[in-house]
Structure formats: C-alpha cells, structure tokens
C-alpha cells in the first residue's frame, strides 16, 4: 500500500536526494521511502543493541542476537530475496 504525502525539504537536501536516487537507479519517491525505512530500522537496531548491553549478555549471545537482527533488517529492506551472510 502507498500513501501520498506532501513534504518540504531544503533545496540542498532535495538535490542530494535526487542525485543519490539517480545514482542508484531509483525514483526520488522510492529512494526517500528506502531512506526513511532505513532510518527507522537503525533506530530499532540501536535500541536493541543498547538493551543487549544493559542486559549484560555474554558476547557470543550478543553476537548471535545481532546477526539475527541484521538478517531481519536485511529482509525488511530487501524483501528477503537476496543472500546474506550467516
């Protein structure tokens, strides 16, 4: 599902976004969607990493949890269709 919204950006920001979108072969809308999704997932990932640190999990457990989280982030970004390191 797609929602249409009206957003305002500085001239510099929108020009950079257009340049990155073109370089990656994406429409501006697709690039902005992906950028927003990546930011949201980084926030979740950071919160998870902080929770792991506060819980004092051993390094092996933390590494396993991080690897699983990286896989989930990858799947969310790329639809699970691309191979990823285990």
PDB file of N, CA and C in Angstrom:
ATOM      1  N   UNK A   1       0.837  -1.160   0.000  1.00  0.00           N
ATOM      2  CA  UNK A   1       0.000   0.000   0.000  1.00  0.00           C
ATOM      3  C   UNK A   1       0.893   1.238   0.000  1.00  0.00           C
ATOM      4  N   UNK A   2       0.479   2.261  -0.688  1.00  0.00           N
ATOM      5  CA  UNK A   2       1.241   3.504  -0.790  1.00  0.00           C
ATOM      6  C   UNK A   2       0.362   4.666  -0.375  1.00  0.00           C
ATOM      7  N   UNK A   3       0.926   5.565   0.413  1.00  0.00           N
ATOM      8  CA  UNK A   3       0.214   6.775   0.831  1.00  0.00           C
ATOM      9  C   UNK A   3       0.904   7.977   0.203  1.00  0.00           C
ATOM     10  N   UNK A   4       0.135   8.885  -0.318  1.00  0.00           N
ATOM     11  CA  UNK A   4       0.683  10.125  -0.863  1.00  0.00           C
ATOM     12  C   UNK A   4       0.700  11.153   0.247  1.00  0.00           C
ATOM     13  N   UNK A   5       1.860  11.833   0.395  1.00  0.00           N
ATOM     14  CA  UNK A   5       2.008  12.872   1.405  1.00  0.00           C
ATOM     15  C   UNK A   5       2.726  14.064   0.784  1.00  0.00           C
ATOM     16  N   UNK A   6       2.557  15.198   1.392  1.00  0.00           N
ATOM     17  CA  UNK A   6       3.259  16.398   0.965  1.00  0.00           C
ATOM     18  C   UNK A   6       4.331  16.703   1.993  1.00  0.00           C
ATOM     19  N   UNK A   7       5.571  16.814   1.529  1.00  0.00           N
ATOM     20  CA  UNK A   7       6.699  17.085   2.418  1.00  0.00           C
ATOM     21  C   UNK A   7       7.464  18.283   1.893  1.00  0.00           C
ATOM     22  N   UNK A   8       8.165  18.957   2.779  1.00  0.00           N
ATOM     23  CA  UNK A   8       9.022  20.072   2.384  1.00  0.00           C
ATOM     24  C   UNK A   8      10.451  19.767   2.797  1.00  0.00           C
ATOM     25  N   UNK A   9      11.390  20.035   1.888  1.00  0.00           N
ATOM     26  CA  UNK A   9      12.812  19.815   2.138  1.00  0.00           C
ATOM     27  C   UNK A   9      13.584  21.051   1.720  1.00  0.00           C
ATOM     28  N   UNK A  10      14.744  21.252   2.305  1.00  0.00           N
ATOM     29  CA  UNK A  10      15.603  22.342   1.848  1.00  0.00           C
ATOM     30  C   UNK A  10      16.056  22.018   0.425  1.00  0.00           C
ATOM     31  N   UNK A  11      16.413  23.054  -0.326  1.00  0.00           N
ATOM     32  CA  UNK A  11      16.886  22.846  -1.700  1.00  0.00           C
ATOM     33  C   UNK A  11      18.090  21.920  -1.726  1.00  0.00           C
ATOM     34  N   UNK A  12      18.998  22.096  -0.774  1.00  0.00           N
ATOM     35  CA  UNK A  12      20.201  21.262  -0.719  1.00  0.00           C
ATOM     36  C   UNK A  12      19.851  19.797  -0.473  1.00  0.00           C
ATOM     37  N   UNK A  13      18.960  19.545   0.463  1.00  0.00           N
ATOM     38  CA  UNK A  13      18.571  18.169   0.785  1.00  0.00           C
ATOM     39  C   UNK A  13      17.922  17.486  -0.414  1.00  0.00           C
ATOM     40  N   UNK A  14      17.007  18.174  -1.072  1.00  0.00           N
ATOM     41  CA  UNK A  14      16.297  17.534  -2.179  1.00  0.00           C
ATOM     42  C   UNK A  14      17.226  17.285  -3.358  1.00  0.00           C
ATOM     43  N   UNK A  15      18.174  18.188  -3.593  1.00  0.00           N
ATOM     44  CA  UNK A  15      19.134  17.974  -4.686  1.00  0.00           C
ATOM     45  C   UNK A  15      20.033  16.773  -4.391  1.00  0.00           C
ATOM     46  N   UNK A  16      20.479  16.657  -3.148  1.00  0.00           N
ATOM     47  CA  UNK A  16      21.291  15.493  -2.775  1.00  0.00           C
ATOM     48  C   UNK A  16      20.479  14.210  -2.918  1.00  0.00           C
ATOM     49  N   UNK A  17      19.235  14.235  -2.464  1.00  0.00           N
ATOM     50  CA  UNK A  17      18.380  13.050  -2.574  1.00  0.00           C
ATOM     51  C   UNK A  17      18.178  12.674  -4.045  1.00  0.00           C
ATOM     52  N   UNK A  18      17.938  13.657  -4.888  1.00  0.00           N
ATOM     53  CA  UNK A  18      17.772  13.372  -6.325  1.00  0.00           C
ATOM     54  C   UNK A  18      19.040  12.758  -6.906  1.00  0.00           C
ATOM     55  N   UNK A  19      20.188  13.293  -6.514  1.00  0.00           N
ATOM     56  CA  UNK A  19      21.463  12.773  -7.021  1.00  0.00           C
ATOM     57  C   UNK A  19      21.667  11.318  -6.577  1.00  0.00           C
ATOM     58  N   UNK A  20      21.411  11.043  -5.308  1.00  0.00           N
ATOM     59  CA  UNK A  20      21.572   9.669  -4.816  1.00  0.00           C
ATOM     60  C   UNK A  20      20.572   8.722  -5.488  1.00  0.00           C
ATOM     61  N   UNK A  21      19.342   9.166  -5.639  1.00  0.00           N
ATOM     62  CA  UNK A  21      18.321   8.334  -6.279  1.00  0.00           C
ATOM     63  C   UNK A  21      18.723   8.000  -7.704  1.00  0.00           C
ATOM     64  N   UNK A  22      19.182   8.987  -8.428  1.00  0.00           N
ATOM     65  CA  UNK A  22      19.600   8.763  -9.823  1.00  0.00           C
ATOM     66  C   UNK A  22      20.769   7.792  -9.880  1.00  0.00           C
ATOM     67  N   UNK A  23      21.744   7.994  -8.998  1.00  0.00           N
ATOM     68  CA  UNK A  23      22.915   7.113  -8.959  1.00  0.00           C
ATOM     69  C   UNK A  23      22.516   5.663  -8.704  1.00  0.00           C
ATOM     70  N   UNK A  24      21.492   5.479  -7.891  1.00  0.00           N
ATOM     71  CA  UNK A  24      21.054   4.127  -7.548  1.00  0.00           C
ATOM     72  C   UNK A  24      19.963   3.595  -8.469  1.00  0.00           C
ATOM     73  N   UNK A  25      19.579   4.390  -9.460  1.00  0.00           N
ATOM     74  CA  UNK A  25      18.568   3.938 -10.411  1.00  0.00           C
ATOM     75  C   UNK A  25      17.171   3.860  -9.827  1.00  0.00           C
ATOM     76  N   UNK A  26      16.890   4.731  -8.852  1.00  0.00           N
ATOM     77  CA  UNK A  26      15.587   4.726  -8.196  1.00  0.00           C
ATOM     78  C   UNK A  26      14.874   6.043  -8.470  1.00  0.00           C
ATOM     79  N   UNK A  27      13.559   6.003  -8.378  1.00  0.00           N
ATOM     80  CA  UNK A  27      12.814   7.259  -8.395  1.00  0.00           C
ATOM     81  C   UNK A  27      13.087   7.973  -7.080  1.00  0.00           C
ATOM     82  N   UNK A  28      12.852   9.270  -7.055  1.00  0.00           N
ATOM     83  CA  UNK A  28      13.036  10.029  -5.826  1.00  0.00           C
ATOM     84  C   UNK A  28      12.138   9.473  -4.723  1.00  0.00           C
ATOM     85  N   UNK A  29      10.896   9.146  -5.075  1.00  0.00           N
ATOM     86  CA  UNK A  29       9.971   8.594  -4.076  1.00  0.00           C
ATOM     87  C   UNK A  29      10.482   7.280  -3.502  1.00  0.00           C
ATOM     88  N   UNK A  30      10.971   6.401  -4.362  1.00  0.00           N
ATOM     89  CA  UNK A  30      11.478   5.112  -3.887  1.00  0.00           C
ATOM     90  C   UNK A  30      12.709   5.297  -3.011  1.00  0.00           C
ATOM     91  N   UNK A  31      13.582   6.233  -3.402  1.00  0.00           N
ATOM     92  CA  UNK A  31      14.784   6.473  -2.617  1.00  0.00           C
ATOM     93  C   UNK A  31      14.430   7.044  -1.245  1.00  0.00           C
ATOM     94  N   UNK A  32      13.507   7.999  -1.208  1.00  0.00           N
ATOM     95  CA  UNK A  32      13.094   8.599   0.062  1.00  0.00           C
ATOM     96  C   UNK A  32      12.408   7.564   0.956  1.00  0.00           C
ATOM     97  N   UNK A  33      11.596   6.701   0.356  1.00  0.00           N
ATOM     98  CA  UNK A  33      10.936   5.643   1.116  1.00  0.00           C
ATOM     99  C   UNK A  33      11.974   4.740   1.765  1.00  0.00           C
ATOM    100  N   UNK A  34      12.961   4.331   0.976  1.00  0.00           N
ATOM    101  CA  UNK A  34      14.008   3.454   1.490  1.00  0.00           C
ATOM    102  C   UNK A  34      14.825   4.163   2.570  1.00  0.00           C
ATOM    103  N   UNK A  35      15.162   5.440   2.358  1.00  0.00           N
ATOM    104  CA  UNK A  35      15.948   6.184   3.342  1.00  0.00           C
ATOM    105  C   UNK A  35      15.199   6.292   4.672  1.00  0.00           C
ATOM    106  N   UNK A  36      13.910   6.583   4.608  1.00  0.00           N
ATOM    107  CA  UNK A  36      13.112   6.688   5.832  1.00  0.00           C
ATOM    108  C   UNK A  36      13.024   5.338   6.533  1.00  0.00           C
ATOM    109  N   UNK A  37      12.838   4.265   5.745  1.00  0.00           N
ATOM    110  CA  UNK A  37      12.749   2.924   6.329  1.00  0.00           C
ATOM    111  C   UNK A  37      14.067   2.535   6.979  1.00  0.00           C
ATOM    112  N   UNK A  38      15.190   2.838   6.309  1.00  0.00           N
ATOM    113  CA  UNK A  38      16.498   2.521   6.868  1.00  0.00           C
ATOM    114  C   UNK A  38      16.719   3.264   8.181  1.00  0.00           C
ATOM    115  N   UNK A  39      16.327   4.532   8.242  1.00  0.00           N
ATOM    116  CA  UNK A  39      16.473   5.317   9.471  1.00  0.00           C
ATOM    117  C   UNK A  39      15.651   4.694  10.596  1.00  0.00           C
ATOM    118  N   UNK A  40      14.425   4.324  10.294  1.00  0.00           N
ATOM    119  CA  UNK A  40      13.566   3.714  11.313  1.00  0.00           C
ATOM    120  C   UNK A  40      14.164   2.397  11.808  1.00  0.00           C
ATOM    121  N   UNK A  41      14.680   1.588  10.901  1.00  0.00           N
ATOM    122  CA  UNK A  41      15.271   0.312  11.301  1.00  0.00           C
ATOM    123  C   UNK A  41      16.557   0.516  12.090  1.00  0.00           C
ATOM    124  N   UNK A  42      17.339   1.548  11.747  1.00  0.00           N
ATOM    125  CA  UNK A  42      18.540   1.856  12.536  1.00  0.00           C
ATOM    126  C   UNK A  42      18.161   2.212  13.967  1.00  0.00           C
ATOM    127  N   UNK A  43      17.063   2.952  14.118  1.00  0.00           N
ATOM    128  CA  UNK A  43      16.602   3.306  15.468  1.00  0.00           C
ATOM    129  C   UNK A  43      16.255   2.036  16.254  1.00  0.00           C
ATOM    130  N   UNK A  44      15.559   1.110  15.620  1.00  0.00           N
ATOM    131  CA  UNK A  44      15.196  -0.150  16.275  1.00  0.00           C
ATOM    132  C   UNK A  44      16.448  -0.946  16.610  1.00  0.00           C
ATOM    133  N   UNK A  45      17.367  -1.033  15.653  1.00  0.00           N
ATOM    134  CA  UNK A  45      18.593  -1.801  15.852  1.00  0.00           C
ATOM    135  C   UNK A  45      19.414  -1.205  16.997  1.00  0.00           C
ATOM    136  N   UNK A  46      19.516   0.120  17.049  1.00  0.00           N
ATOM    137  CA  UNK A  46      20.273   0.785  18.107  1.00  0.00           C
ATOM    138  C   UNK A  46      19.641   0.517  19.467  1.00  0.00           C
ATOM    139  N   UNK A  47      18.323   0.603  19.531  1.00  0.00           N
ATOM    140  CA  UNK A  47      17.630   0.318  20.788  1.00  0.00           C
ATOM    141  C   UNK A  47      17.878  -1.123  21.223  1.00  0.00           C
ATOM    142  N   UNK A  48      17.874  -2.038  20.261  1.00  0.00           N
ATOM    143  CA  UNK A  48      18.141  -3.448  20.576  1.00  0.00           C
ATOM    144  C   UNK A  48      19.559  -3.613  21.121  1.00  0.00           C
ATOM    145  N   UNK A  49      20.531  -3.007  20.444  1.00  0.00           N
ATOM    146  CA  UNK A  49      21.921  -3.130  20.872  1.00  0.00           C
ATOM    147  C   UNK A  49      22.103  -2.563  22.277  1.00  0.00           C
ATOM    148  N   UNK A  50      21.436  -1.451  22.557  1.00  0.00           N
ATOM    149  CA  UNK A  50      21.520  -0.870  23.900  1.00  0.00           C
ATOM    150  C   UNK A  50      20.886  -1.796  24.938  1.00  0.00           C
ATOM    151  N   UNK A  51      19.779  -2.425  24.577  1.00  0.00           N
ATOM    152  CA  UNK A  51      19.116  -3.354  25.502  1.00  0.00           C
ATOM    153  C   UNK A  51      20.001  -4.558  25.767  1.00  0.00           C
ATOM    154  N   UNK A  52      20.661  -5.065  24.733  1.00  0.00           N
ATOM    155  CA  UNK A  52      21.580  -6.197  24.900  1.00  0.00           C
ATOM    156  C   UNK A  52      22.707  -5.796  25.848  1.00  0.00           C
ATOM    157  N   UNK A  53      23.224  -4.580  25.654  1.00  0.00           N
ATOM    158  CA  UNK A  53      24.299  -4.107  26.526  1.00  0.00           C
ATOM    159  C   UNK A  53      23.854  -3.974  27.971  1.00  0.00           C
ATOM    160  N   UNK A  54      22.652  -3.414  28.174  1.00  0.00           N
ATOM    161  CA  UNK A  54      22.135  -3.262  29.536  1.00  0.00           C
ATOM    162  C   UNK A  54      21.869  -4.605  30.190  1.00  0.00           C
ATOM    163  N   UNK A  55      21.470  -5.590  29.388  1.00  0.00           N
ATOM    164  CA  UNK A  55      21.171  -6.912  29.939  1.00  0.00           C
ATOM    165  C   UNK A  55      22.433  -7.662  30.325  1.00  0.00           C
ATOM    166  N   UNK A  56      23.584  -7.204  29.819  1.00  0.00           N
ATOM    167  CA  UNK A  56      24.846  -7.837  30.165  1.00  0.00           C
ATOM    168  C   UNK A  56      24.995  -9.229  29.591  1.00  0.00           C
ATOM    169  N   UNK A  57      24.423  -9.459  28.418  1.00  0.00           N
ATOM    170  CA  UNK A  57      24.560 -10.772  27.785  1.00  0.00           C
ATOM    171  C   UNK A  57      26.019 -11.040  27.442  1.00  0.00           C
ATOM    172  N   UNK A  58      26.375 -12.311  27.413  1.00  0.00           N
ATOM    173  CA  UNK A  58      27.743 -12.635  27.035  1.00  0.00           C
ATOM    174  C   UNK A  58      27.946 -12.307  25.553  1.00  0.00           C
ATOM    175  N   UNK A  59      29.184 -12.157  25.143  1.00  0.00           N
ATOM    176  CA  UNK A  59      29.482 -11.701  23.787  1.00  0.00           C
ATOM    177  C   UNK A  59      28.973 -12.648  22.720  1.00  0.00           C
ATOM    178  N   UNK A  60      29.037 -13.945  22.963  1.00  0.00           N
ATOM    179  CA  UNK A  60      28.554 -14.909  21.970  1.00  0.00           C
ATOM    180  C   UNK A  60      27.044 -14.756  21.758  1.00  0.00           C
ATOM    181  N   UNK A  61      26.299 -14.633  22.840  1.00  0.00           N
ATOM    182  CA  UNK A  61      24.850 -14.446  22.722  1.00  0.00           C
ATOM    183  C   UNK A  61      24.520 -13.120  22.042  1.00  0.00           C
ATOM    184  N   UNK A  62      25.268 -12.077  22.404  1.00  0.00           N
ATOM    185  CA  UNK A  62      25.030 -10.768  21.789  1.00  0.00           C
ATOM    186  C   UNK A  62      25.333 -10.814  20.301  1.00  0.00           C
ATOM    187  N   UNK A  63      26.412 -11.485  19.915  1.00  0.00           N
ATOM    188  CA  UNK A  63      26.766 -11.586  18.502  1.00  0.00           C
ATOM    189  C   UNK A  63      25.696 -12.352  17.731  1.00  0.00           C
ATOM    190  N   UNK A  64      25.183 -13.420  18.313  1.00  0.00           N
ATOM    191  CA  UNK A  64      24.125 -14.194  17.664  1.00  0.00           C
ATOM    192  C   UNK A  64      22.862 -13.341  17.511  1.00  0.00           C
ATOM    193  N   UNK A  65      22.486 -12.628  18.565  1.00  0.00           N
ATOM    194  CA  UNK A  65      21.310 -11.757  18.503  1.00  0.00           C
ATOM    195  C   UNK A  65      21.510 -10.684  17.454  1.00  0.00           C
ATOM    196  N   UNK A  66      22.704 -10.109  17.378  1.00  0.00           N
ATOM    197  CA  UNK A  66      22.990  -9.083  16.379  1.00  0.00           C
ATOM    198  C   UNK A  66      22.918  -9.651  14.971  1.00  0.00           C
ATOM    199  N   UNK A  67      23.451 -10.845  14.758  1.00  0.00           N
ATOM    200  CA  UNK A  67      23.410 -11.466  13.432  1.00  0.00           C
ATOM    201  C   UNK A  67      21.965 -11.718  13.005  1.00  0.00           C
ATOM    202  N   UNK A  68      21.147 -12.172  13.934  1.00  0.00           N
ATOM    203  CA  UNK A  68      19.740 -12.400  13.622  1.00  0.00           C
ATOM    204  C   UNK A  68      19.038 -11.085  13.310  1.00  0.00           C
ATOM    205  N   UNK A  69      19.365 -10.051  14.073  1.00  0.00           N
ATOM    206  CA  UNK A  69      18.755  -8.738  13.845  1.00  0.00           C
ATOM    207  C   UNK A  69      19.189  -8.170  12.499  1.00  0.00           C
ATOM    208  N   UNK A  70      20.456  -8.327  12.161  1.00  0.00           N
ATOM    209  CA  UNK A  70      20.939  -7.869  10.856  1.00  0.00           C
ATOM    210  C   UNK A  70      20.161  -8.574   9.752  1.00  0.00           C
ATOM    211  N   UNK A  71      19.921  -9.862   9.903  1.00  0.00           N
ATOM    212  CA  UNK A  71      19.136 -10.609   8.924  1.00  0.00           C
ATOM    213  C   UNK A  71      17.720 -10.085   8.806  1.00  0.00           C
ATOM    214  N   UNK A  72      17.110  -9.769   9.929  1.00  0.00           N
ATOM    215  CA  UNK A  72      15.745  -9.234   9.902  1.00  0.00           C
ATOM    216  C   UNK A  72      15.712  -7.864   9.242  1.00  0.00           C
ATOM    217  N   UNK A  73      16.706  -7.023   9.536  1.00  0.00           N
ATOM    218  CA  UNK A  73      16.781  -5.701   8.905  1.00  0.00           C
ATOM    219  C   UNK A  73      16.976  -5.863   7.405  1.00  0.00           C
ATOM    220  N   UNK A  74      17.870  -6.764   7.022  1.00  0.00           N
ATOM    221  CA  UNK A  74      18.116  -7.018   5.596  1.00  0.00           C
ATOM    222  C   UNK A  74      16.834  -7.469   4.905  1.00  0.00           C
ATOM    223  N   UNK A  75      16.128  -8.405   5.524  1.00  0.00           N
ATOM    224  CA  UNK A  75      14.873  -8.897   4.948  1.00  0.00           C
ATOM    225  C   UNK A  75      13.836  -7.781   4.835  1.00  0.00           C
ATOM    226  N   UNK A  76      13.784  -6.930   5.841  1.00  0.00           N
ATOM    227  CA  UNK A  76      12.819  -5.823   5.804  1.00  0.00           C
ATOM    228  C   UNK A  76      13.161  -4.841   4.691  1.00  0.00           C
ATOM    229  N   UNK A  77      14.452  -4.604   4.479  1.00  0.00           N
ATOM    230  CA  UNK A  77      14.866  -3.660   3.443  1.00  0.00           C
ATOM    231  C   UNK A  77      14.761  -4.242   2.036  1.00  0.00           C
ATOM    232  N   UNK A  78      15.141  -5.505   1.899  1.00  0.00           N
ATOM    233  CA  UNK A  78      15.280  -6.084   0.572  1.00  0.00           C
ATOM    234  C   UNK A  78      14.298  -7.223   0.288  1.00  0.00           C
ATOM    235  N   UNK A  79      13.351  -7.436   1.142  1.00  0.00           N
ATOM    236  CA  UNK A  79      12.324  -8.439   0.903  1.00  0.00           C
ATOM    237  C   UNK A  79      12.785  -9.873   1.055  1.00  0.00           C
ATOM    238  N   UNK A  80      13.919 -10.094   1.639  1.00  0.00           N
ATOM    239  CA  UNK A  80      14.397 -11.458   1.888  1.00  0.00           C
ATOM    240  C   UNK A  80      14.866 -12.182   0.656  1.00  0.00           C
ATOM    241  N   UNK A  81      14.885 -11.515  -0.489  1.00  0.00           N
ATOM    242  CA  UNK A  81      15.242 -12.181  -1.740  1.00  0.00           C
ATOM    243  C   UNK A  81      16.714 -12.258  -2.036  1.00  0.00           C
ATOM    244  N   UNK A  82      17.513 -11.545  -1.266  1.00  0.00           N
ATOM    245  CA  UNK A  82      18.944 -11.519  -1.527  1.00  0.00           C
ATOM    246  C   UNK A  82      19.681 -12.371  -0.499  1.00  0.00           C
ATOM    247  N   UNK A  83      20.762 -13.010  -0.917  1.00  0.00           N
ATOM    248  CA  UNK A  83      21.512 -13.808   0.046  1.00  0.00           C
ATOM    249  C   UNK A  83      22.178 -12.899   1.063  1.00  0.00           C
ATOM    250  N   UNK A  84      22.361 -13.415   2.271  1.00  0.00           N
ATOM    251  CA  UNK A  84      23.027 -12.653   3.309  1.00  0.00           C
ATOM    252  C   UNK A  84      23.980 -13.563   4.052  1.00  0.00           C
ATOM    253  N   UNK A  85      24.993 -12.975   4.651  1.00  0.00           N
ATOM    254  CA  UNK A  85      25.955 -13.751   5.425  1.00  0.00           C
ATOM    255  C   UNK A  85      25.275 -14.261   6.686  1.00  0.00           C
ATOM    256  N   UNK A  86      25.623 -15.477   7.069  1.00  0.00           N
ATOM    257  CA  UNK A  86      25.036 -16.060   8.278  1.00  0.00           C
ATOM    258  C   UNK A  86      25.951 -15.913   9.450  1.00  0.00           C
TER     259      UNK A  86
END
